[in-house]
């Protein structure tokens, strides 16, 4: 009988360092505790990221984020690839590619965020796309492809 009484008393009494969610009682008078919101109380709207809170991830040296520019035309093309993030230029390269030739760039992207990719062909088409590069792409690598044809520029990627 005593054991049941003792267990019931222990179950109902607070243990030092433990508390129920939302319990704001403090065992130390020097620092007040703050309640942690339960999941249903947390905001459900997306919070826009700023450059200060964007995580930097070390890309793997054997699988970086690559940009492959391919000249699928029958003639030589001068192609400029510009990649920016928050008005900072990450890559700005111009190459003259023979018909059927391609070139690969590693812009050393190590931060997640929205990037603007601009491709311009001298005397030909140009194209700009915005691409959000996430943590998975940075940490695991991904390939971005730019195909130049006589009529258009296609930009796509795989992770």
N, C-alpha and C. Protein backbone atom coordinates (compact mmCIF):
# COMPACT_ATOMS: atom_id res chain seq x y z
N UNK A 1 0.82 -1.18 0.00
CA UNK A 1 0.00 0.00 0.00
C UNK A 1 0.86 1.25 0.00
N UNK A 2 1.95 1.24 0.75
CA UNK A 2 2.82 2.42 0.80
C UNK A 2 3.44 2.70 -0.57
N UNK A 3 3.78 1.63 -1.30
CA UNK A 3 4.41 1.81 -2.60
C UNK A 3 3.46 2.52 -3.56
N UNK A 4 2.19 2.19 -3.56
CA UNK A 4 1.22 2.85 -4.44
C UNK A 4 1.07 4.31 -4.07
N UNK A 5 1.07 4.61 -2.80
CA UNK A 5 0.95 6.00 -2.35
C UNK A 5 2.16 6.80 -2.77
N UNK A 6 3.35 6.20 -2.63
CA UNK A 6 4.59 6.88 -3.01
C UNK A 6 4.63 7.13 -4.52
N UNK A 7 4.27 6.14 -5.32
CA UNK A 7 4.28 6.31 -6.78
C UNK A 7 3.25 7.35 -7.21
N UNK A 8 2.10 7.38 -6.60
CA UNK A 8 1.09 8.38 -6.95
C UNK A 8 1.58 9.77 -6.60
N UNK A 9 2.25 9.90 -5.47
CA UNK A 9 2.76 11.21 -5.06
C UNK A 9 3.87 11.67 -6.00
N UNK A 10 4.74 10.76 -6.41
CA UNK A 10 5.82 11.11 -7.35
C UNK A 10 5.26 11.49 -8.72
N UNK A 11 4.23 10.81 -9.16
CA UNK A 11 3.65 11.11 -10.46
C UNK A 11 3.02 12.49 -10.50
N UNK A 12 2.52 12.93 -9.39
CA UNK A 12 1.85 14.23 -9.35
C UNK A 12 2.77 15.38 -8.97
N UNK A 13 3.95 15.08 -8.45
CA UNK A 13 4.84 16.16 -8.03
C UNK A 13 5.83 16.51 -9.14
N UNK A 14 6.18 17.80 -9.26
CA UNK A 14 7.15 18.20 -10.28
C UNK A 14 8.55 17.71 -9.89
N UNK A 15 9.30 17.31 -10.90
CA UNK A 15 10.68 16.87 -10.70
C UNK A 15 11.57 18.00 -11.16
N UNK A 16 12.64 18.26 -10.42
CA UNK A 16 13.56 19.37 -10.75
C UNK A 16 14.06 19.21 -12.18
N UNK A 17 13.96 20.27 -12.95
CA UNK A 17 14.45 20.26 -14.33
C UNK A 17 13.41 19.79 -15.33
N UNK A 18 12.27 19.31 -14.88
CA UNK A 18 11.24 18.82 -15.79
C UNK A 18 9.99 19.65 -15.62
N UNK A 19 9.26 19.77 -16.67
CA UNK A 19 8.00 20.49 -16.60
C UNK A 19 7.16 20.14 -17.80
N UNK A 20 5.92 20.45 -17.72
CA UNK A 20 5.00 20.20 -18.82
C UNK A 20 5.13 21.31 -19.84
N UNK A 21 4.80 21.04 -21.11
CA UNK A 21 4.84 22.10 -22.11
C UNK A 21 4.00 23.29 -21.68
N UNK A 22 4.58 24.47 -21.78
CA UNK A 22 3.86 25.69 -21.41
C UNK A 22 3.97 26.01 -19.93
N UNK A 23 4.63 25.15 -19.14
CA UNK A 23 4.80 25.40 -17.71
C UNK A 23 5.84 26.49 -17.54
N UNK A 24 5.45 27.58 -16.94
CA UNK A 24 6.36 28.71 -16.80
C UNK A 24 6.94 28.83 -15.40
N UNK A 25 6.81 27.78 -14.60
CA UNK A 25 7.39 27.84 -13.27
C UNK A 25 8.88 27.66 -13.37
N UNK A 26 9.59 28.32 -12.50
CA UNK A 26 11.04 28.28 -12.53
C UNK A 26 11.56 27.79 -11.20
N UNK A 27 12.58 26.91 -11.25
CA UNK A 27 13.19 26.43 -10.02
C UNK A 27 14.35 27.33 -9.63
N UNK A 28 14.77 28.21 -10.52
CA UNK A 28 15.87 29.12 -10.24
C UNK A 28 15.33 30.54 -10.36
N UNK A 29 15.38 31.30 -9.28
CA UNK A 29 14.81 32.64 -9.29
C UNK A 29 15.60 33.64 -10.10
N UNK A 30 16.83 33.31 -10.54
CA UNK A 30 17.68 34.28 -11.22
C UNK A 30 17.29 34.47 -12.68
N UNK A 31 16.79 33.45 -13.34
CA UNK A 31 16.43 33.59 -14.74
C UNK A 31 15.02 33.05 -14.96
N UNK A 32 14.11 33.87 -15.44
CA UNK A 32 12.76 33.38 -15.69
C UNK A 32 12.76 32.49 -16.93
N UNK A 33 11.93 31.46 -16.91
CA UNK A 33 11.83 30.60 -18.08
C UNK A 33 10.80 31.18 -19.03
N UNK A 34 10.93 30.81 -20.29
CA UNK A 34 9.96 31.25 -21.28
C UNK A 34 9.27 30.03 -21.83
N UNK A 35 8.04 30.19 -22.16
CA UNK A 35 7.25 29.08 -22.69
C UNK A 35 7.63 28.83 -24.13
N UNK A 36 7.73 27.58 -24.51
CA UNK A 36 8.00 27.21 -25.89
C UNK A 36 6.66 26.95 -26.56
N UNK A 37 6.38 27.60 -27.70
CA UNK A 37 5.08 27.40 -28.32
C UNK A 37 4.95 25.97 -28.82
N UNK A 38 3.75 25.44 -28.70
CA UNK A 38 3.49 24.11 -29.24
C UNK A 38 3.38 24.23 -30.75
N UNK A 39 3.55 23.11 -31.48
CA UNK A 39 3.54 23.20 -32.95
C UNK A 39 2.32 23.89 -33.53
N UNK A 40 1.13 23.73 -32.94
CA UNK A 40 -0.04 24.38 -33.50
C UNK A 40 -0.03 25.89 -33.27
N UNK A 41 0.82 26.39 -32.37
CA UNK A 41 0.89 27.83 -32.12
C UNK A 41 1.93 28.51 -33.00
N UNK A 42 2.78 27.75 -33.67
CA UNK A 42 3.83 28.34 -34.48
C UNK A 42 3.25 28.89 -35.77
N UNK A 43 3.85 29.95 -36.30
CA UNK A 43 3.32 30.55 -37.52
C UNK A 43 3.44 29.58 -38.69
N UNK A 44 2.48 29.64 -39.59
CA UNK A 44 2.48 28.76 -40.75
C UNK A 44 2.87 29.48 -42.03
N UNK A 45 3.07 30.78 -41.97
CA UNK A 45 3.46 31.51 -43.16
C UNK A 45 4.96 31.46 -43.33
N UNK A 46 5.38 31.49 -44.57
CA UNK A 46 6.81 31.44 -44.87
C UNK A 46 7.46 32.76 -44.47
N UNK A 47 8.64 32.65 -43.92
CA UNK A 47 9.40 33.83 -43.54
C UNK A 47 10.48 34.02 -44.60
N UNK A 48 10.50 35.17 -45.28
CA UNK A 48 11.50 35.36 -46.31
C UNK A 48 12.90 35.38 -45.70
N UNK A 49 13.83 34.75 -46.41
CA UNK A 49 15.20 34.72 -45.90
C UNK A 49 15.95 35.96 -46.35
N UNK A 50 16.88 36.33 -45.56
CA UNK A 50 17.75 37.46 -45.89
C UNK A 50 19.16 36.94 -46.01
N UNK A 51 20.05 37.67 -46.67
CA UNK A 51 21.41 37.20 -46.82
C UNK A 51 22.09 36.89 -45.49
N UNK A 52 21.69 37.56 -44.41
CA UNK A 52 22.34 37.34 -43.13
C UNK A 52 21.98 35.98 -42.55
N UNK A 53 20.75 35.46 -42.82
CA UNK A 53 20.37 34.20 -42.22
C UNK A 53 20.39 33.04 -43.21
N UNK A 54 20.94 33.24 -44.39
CA UNK A 54 21.03 32.18 -45.38
C UNK A 54 22.22 31.29 -45.03
N UNK A 55 21.94 29.99 -44.87
CA UNK A 55 23.04 29.11 -44.47
C UNK A 55 24.05 28.93 -45.59
N UNK A 56 25.29 28.82 -45.20
CA UNK A 56 26.35 28.51 -46.13
C UNK A 56 26.70 27.04 -45.93
N UNK A 57 26.76 26.32 -47.01
CA UNK A 57 27.04 24.90 -46.97
C UNK A 57 28.30 24.67 -47.79
N UNK A 58 29.17 23.79 -47.32
CA UNK A 58 30.38 23.48 -48.08
C UNK A 58 30.03 22.48 -49.16
N UNK A 59 30.16 22.89 -50.43
CA UNK A 59 29.83 21.96 -51.50
C UNK A 59 30.89 20.86 -51.58
N UNK A 60 30.48 19.66 -51.94
CA UNK A 60 31.46 18.58 -52.06
C UNK A 60 32.38 18.84 -53.25
N UNK A 61 33.68 18.67 -53.09
CA UNK A 61 34.60 18.97 -54.19
C UNK A 61 34.41 18.06 -55.39
N UNK A 62 33.89 16.85 -55.17
CA UNK A 62 33.72 15.92 -56.28
C UNK A 62 32.33 16.00 -56.92
N UNK A 63 31.43 16.83 -56.40
CA UNK A 63 30.10 16.98 -56.98
C UNK A 63 29.56 18.39 -56.73
N UNK A 64 30.16 19.40 -57.36
CA UNK A 64 29.72 20.78 -57.16
C UNK A 64 28.49 21.10 -58.00
N UNK A 65 28.01 22.33 -57.87
CA UNK A 65 26.94 22.82 -58.74
C UNK A 65 27.62 23.30 -60.02
N UNK A 66 27.31 22.62 -61.10
CA UNK A 66 27.95 22.93 -62.39
C UNK A 66 26.95 23.55 -63.36
N UNK A 67 27.48 24.38 -64.23
CA UNK A 67 26.71 24.97 -65.33
C UNK A 67 27.39 24.56 -66.62
N UNK A 68 26.67 23.83 -67.47
CA UNK A 68 27.21 23.33 -68.73
C UNK A 68 26.50 24.08 -69.86
N UNK A 69 27.28 24.80 -70.65
CA UNK A 69 26.74 25.56 -71.79
C UNK A 69 27.09 24.78 -73.05
N UNK A 70 26.06 24.47 -73.84
CA UNK A 70 26.22 23.64 -75.04
C UNK A 70 25.74 24.41 -76.26
N UNK A 71 26.61 24.52 -77.26
CA UNK A 71 26.26 25.18 -78.52
C UNK A 71 25.69 24.13 -79.46
N UNK A 72 24.36 24.09 -79.57
CA UNK A 72 23.68 23.13 -80.45
C UNK A 72 23.38 23.73 -81.82
N UNK A 73 24.13 24.74 -82.23
CA UNK A 73 23.92 25.34 -83.55
C UNK A 73 24.97 24.80 -84.52
N UNK A 74 24.83 25.19 -85.79
CA UNK A 74 25.78 24.77 -86.82
C UNK A 74 26.91 25.77 -87.01
N UNK A 75 26.99 26.80 -86.15
CA UNK A 75 28.03 27.81 -86.32
C UNK A 75 28.62 28.20 -84.96
N UNK A 76 29.73 28.89 -85.02
CA UNK A 76 30.40 29.37 -83.81
C UNK A 76 29.54 30.43 -83.12
N UNK A 77 29.49 30.38 -81.78
CA UNK A 77 28.68 31.33 -81.02
C UNK A 77 29.49 31.88 -79.85
N UNK A 78 29.38 33.21 -79.63
CA UNK A 78 29.96 33.83 -78.44
C UNK A 78 28.85 33.90 -77.40
N UNK A 79 29.04 33.19 -76.28
CA UNK A 79 28.00 33.05 -75.26
C UNK A 79 28.50 33.62 -73.94
N UNK A 80 27.68 34.46 -73.33
CA UNK A 80 27.99 35.02 -72.00
C UNK A 80 27.03 34.42 -70.99
N UNK A 81 27.59 33.87 -69.92
CA UNK A 81 26.81 33.31 -68.81
C UNK A 81 27.09 34.17 -67.58
N UNK A 82 26.02 34.75 -67.03
CA UNK A 82 26.14 35.57 -65.83
C UNK A 82 25.21 35.01 -64.77
N UNK A 83 25.75 34.81 -63.57
CA UNK A 83 24.96 34.32 -62.44
C UNK A 83 25.13 35.32 -61.31
N UNK A 84 23.99 35.80 -60.78
CA UNK A 84 24.03 36.75 -59.68
C UNK A 84 23.15 36.27 -58.55
N UNK A 85 23.46 36.76 -57.36
CA UNK A 85 22.66 36.50 -56.16
C UNK A 85 22.67 37.78 -55.34
N UNK A 86 21.50 38.32 -55.06
CA UNK A 86 21.39 39.56 -54.29
C UNK A 86 22.29 40.65 -54.84
N UNK A 87 22.24 40.83 -56.14
CA UNK A 87 23.00 41.85 -56.85
C UNK A 87 24.52 41.66 -56.78
N UNK A 88 24.96 40.49 -56.33
CA UNK A 88 26.38 40.16 -56.32
C UNK A 88 26.64 39.17 -57.45
N UNK A 89 27.61 39.46 -58.29
CA UNK A 89 27.93 38.57 -59.40
C UNK A 89 28.73 37.38 -58.90
N UNK A 90 28.18 36.19 -59.14
CA UNK A 90 28.84 34.95 -58.76
C UNK A 90 29.71 34.45 -59.90
N UNK A 91 29.23 34.63 -61.13
CA UNK A 91 29.96 34.18 -62.32
C UNK A 91 29.62 35.11 -63.47
N UNK A 92 30.62 35.50 -64.22
CA UNK A 92 30.42 36.31 -65.43
C UNK A 92 31.49 35.89 -66.43
N UNK A 93 31.13 34.98 -67.32
CA UNK A 93 32.08 34.41 -68.26
C UNK A 93 31.54 34.47 -69.68
N UNK A 94 32.43 34.75 -70.62
CA UNK A 94 32.10 34.73 -72.03
C UNK A 94 33.03 33.74 -72.71
N UNK A 95 32.46 32.87 -73.53
CA UNK A 95 33.26 31.89 -74.27
C UNK A 95 32.77 31.84 -75.70
N UNK A 96 33.69 31.59 -76.60
CA UNK A 96 33.34 31.38 -78.00
C UNK A 96 33.37 29.88 -78.23
N UNK A 97 32.20 29.35 -78.56
CA UNK A 97 32.05 27.91 -78.72
C UNK A 97 31.85 27.56 -80.18
N UNK A 98 32.61 26.58 -80.66
CA UNK A 98 32.42 26.07 -82.02
C UNK A 98 31.10 25.31 -82.07
N UNK A 99 30.63 25.03 -83.27
CA UNK A 99 29.38 24.27 -83.44
C UNK A 99 29.51 22.93 -82.71
N UNK A 100 28.53 22.61 -81.87
CA UNK A 100 28.53 21.35 -81.14
C UNK A 100 29.43 21.31 -79.92
N UNK A 101 30.14 22.38 -79.63
CA UNK A 101 31.07 22.41 -78.49
C UNK A 101 30.32 22.81 -77.21
N UNK A 102 30.85 22.38 -76.08
CA UNK A 102 30.28 22.77 -74.79
C UNK A 102 31.40 23.16 -73.84
N UNK A 103 31.02 23.90 -72.81
CA UNK A 103 31.96 24.32 -71.78
C UNK A 103 31.27 24.19 -70.43
N UNK A 104 32.06 23.89 -69.41
CA UNK A 104 31.53 23.65 -68.07
C UNK A 104 32.10 24.68 -67.11
N UNK A 105 31.22 25.22 -66.24
CA UNK A 105 31.63 26.20 -65.25
C UNK A 105 31.27 25.71 -63.85
N UNK A 106 32.16 25.95 -62.90
CA UNK A 106 31.89 25.69 -61.49
C UNK A 106 31.98 27.04 -60.77
N UNK A 107 30.83 27.69 -60.51
CA UNK A 107 30.85 29.01 -59.88
C UNK A 107 31.09 28.98 -58.37
N UNK A 108 31.35 27.79 -57.80
CA UNK A 108 31.65 27.64 -56.37
C UNK A 108 30.50 28.16 -55.51
N UNK A 109 29.28 27.80 -55.86
CA UNK A 109 28.11 28.22 -55.09
C UNK A 109 28.09 27.43 -53.79
N UNK A 110 28.08 28.16 -52.67
CA UNK A 110 28.08 27.55 -51.36
C UNK A 110 26.99 28.07 -50.45
N UNK A 111 26.11 28.91 -50.98
CA UNK A 111 25.03 29.46 -50.16
C UNK A 111 23.70 29.22 -50.85
N UNK A 112 22.70 28.91 -50.05
CA UNK A 112 21.36 28.73 -50.60
C UNK A 112 20.76 30.10 -50.91
N UNK A 113 19.77 30.12 -51.77
CA UNK A 113 19.10 31.38 -52.07
C UNK A 113 18.64 31.44 -53.50
N UNK A 114 18.12 32.60 -53.87
CA UNK A 114 17.64 32.79 -55.24
C UNK A 114 18.75 33.38 -56.10
N UNK A 115 19.00 32.72 -57.20
CA UNK A 115 20.04 33.14 -58.14
C UNK A 115 19.38 33.53 -59.46
N UNK A 116 19.96 34.51 -60.13
CA UNK A 116 19.50 34.91 -61.45
C UNK A 116 20.53 34.45 -62.46
N UNK A 117 20.06 33.68 -63.43
CA UNK A 117 20.93 33.13 -64.47
C UNK A 117 20.58 33.83 -65.78
N UNK A 118 21.57 34.48 -66.37
CA UNK A 118 21.37 35.19 -67.62
C UNK A 118 22.33 34.63 -68.66
N UNK A 119 21.79 34.30 -69.82
CA UNK A 119 22.58 33.78 -70.94
C UNK A 119 22.33 34.69 -72.13
N UNK A 120 23.42 35.17 -72.74
CA UNK A 120 23.31 36.04 -73.92
C UNK A 120 24.20 35.49 -75.02
N UNK A 121 23.64 35.43 -76.22
CA UNK A 121 24.39 35.02 -77.39
C UNK A 121 24.62 36.28 -78.22
N UNK A 122 25.87 36.55 -78.55
CA UNK A 122 26.19 37.75 -79.34
C UNK A 122 25.44 37.68 -80.67
N UNK A 123 24.63 38.72 -80.93
CA UNK A 123 23.85 38.78 -82.16
C UNK A 123 22.70 37.80 -82.20
N UNK A 124 22.34 37.22 -81.07
CA UNK A 124 21.28 36.21 -81.05
C UNK A 124 20.38 36.38 -79.84
N UNK A 125 19.76 35.30 -79.43
CA UNK A 125 18.80 35.38 -78.33
C UNK A 125 19.48 35.55 -76.97
N UNK A 126 18.67 35.93 -75.99
CA UNK A 126 19.13 35.98 -74.60
C UNK A 126 17.99 35.47 -73.72
N UNK A 127 18.36 35.03 -72.53
CA UNK A 127 17.35 34.50 -71.62
C UNK A 127 17.80 34.70 -70.20
N UNK A 128 16.85 35.04 -69.33
CA UNK A 128 17.11 35.20 -67.90
C UNK A 128 16.07 34.40 -67.13
N UNK A 129 16.55 33.60 -66.16
CA UNK A 129 15.65 32.85 -65.28
C UNK A 129 16.11 33.03 -63.84
N UNK A 130 15.15 32.92 -62.95
CA UNK A 130 15.47 32.94 -61.52
C UNK A 130 15.37 31.50 -61.03
N UNK A 131 16.33 31.12 -60.20
CA UNK A 131 16.39 29.73 -59.72
C UNK A 131 16.72 29.74 -58.24
N UNK A 132 15.89 29.11 -57.43
CA UNK A 132 16.19 28.96 -56.02
C UNK A 132 17.04 27.71 -55.85
N UNK A 133 18.23 27.91 -55.31
CA UNK A 133 19.13 26.80 -55.06
C UNK A 133 19.07 26.51 -53.57
N UNK A 134 18.62 25.32 -53.25
CA UNK A 134 18.40 24.94 -51.86
C UNK A 134 19.59 24.20 -51.26
N UNK A 135 19.42 23.86 -50.01
CA UNK A 135 20.46 23.20 -49.23
C UNK A 135 20.88 21.87 -49.84
N UNK A 136 19.91 21.08 -50.33
CA UNK A 136 20.23 19.79 -50.92
C UNK A 136 21.12 19.95 -52.15
N UNK A 137 20.78 20.90 -53.02
CA UNK A 137 21.57 21.11 -54.23
C UNK A 137 22.99 21.55 -53.89
N UNK A 138 23.13 22.39 -52.87
CA UNK A 138 24.46 22.87 -52.48
C UNK A 138 25.27 21.74 -51.87
N UNK A 139 24.67 20.98 -50.97
CA UNK A 139 25.43 19.95 -50.27
C UNK A 139 25.64 18.69 -51.10
N UNK A 140 24.77 18.45 -52.10
CA UNK A 140 24.89 17.22 -52.89
C UNK A 140 25.30 17.47 -54.33
N UNK A 141 25.37 18.72 -54.73
CA UNK A 141 25.71 19.04 -56.11
C UNK A 141 24.49 18.96 -57.01
N UNK A 142 24.55 19.63 -58.11
CA UNK A 142 23.50 19.56 -59.13
C UNK A 142 24.09 20.09 -60.43
N UNK A 143 23.48 19.71 -61.52
CA UNK A 143 23.93 20.15 -62.83
C UNK A 143 22.88 21.04 -63.47
N UNK A 144 23.33 22.14 -64.01
CA UNK A 144 22.47 23.08 -64.73
C UNK A 144 22.94 23.09 -66.18
N UNK A 145 22.00 23.03 -67.09
CA UNK A 145 22.33 22.95 -68.50
C UNK A 145 21.78 24.15 -69.25
N UNK A 146 22.59 24.66 -70.15
CA UNK A 146 22.18 25.76 -71.02
C UNK A 146 22.39 25.27 -72.44
N UNK A 147 21.30 25.07 -73.17
CA UNK A 147 21.38 24.62 -74.56
C UNK A 147 21.07 25.80 -75.48
N UNK A 148 22.04 26.12 -76.33
CA UNK A 148 21.89 27.21 -77.29
C UNK A 148 21.48 26.59 -78.62
N UNK A 149 20.32 27.02 -79.15
CA UNK A 149 19.90 26.59 -80.48
C UNK A 149 19.81 27.84 -81.35
N UNK A 150 19.48 27.65 -82.61
CA UNK A 150 19.39 28.80 -83.52
C UNK A 150 18.26 29.74 -83.11
N UNK A 151 17.22 29.23 -82.47
CA UNK A 151 16.05 30.04 -82.16
C UNK A 151 15.86 30.38 -80.69
N UNK A 152 16.45 29.59 -79.79
CA UNK A 152 16.16 29.78 -78.38
C UNK A 152 17.31 29.33 -77.49
N UNK A 153 17.15 29.66 -76.21
CA UNK A 153 18.07 29.21 -75.18
C UNK A 153 17.24 28.45 -74.16
N UNK A 154 17.60 27.21 -73.91
CA UNK A 154 16.91 26.40 -72.90
C UNK A 154 17.81 26.30 -71.67
N UNK A 155 17.23 26.53 -70.51
CA UNK A 155 17.96 26.41 -69.23
C UNK A 155 17.17 25.44 -68.37
N UNK A 156 17.83 24.39 -67.93
CA UNK A 156 17.19 23.40 -67.07
C UNK A 156 18.24 22.80 -66.14
N UNK A 157 17.79 22.01 -65.16
CA UNK A 157 18.71 21.47 -64.17
C UNK A 157 18.23 20.12 -63.68
N UNK A 158 19.18 19.40 -63.10
CA UNK A 158 18.86 18.14 -62.43
C UNK A 158 19.61 18.10 -61.12
N UNK A 159 19.02 17.47 -60.14
CA UNK A 159 19.65 17.39 -58.82
C UNK A 159 20.03 15.97 -58.51
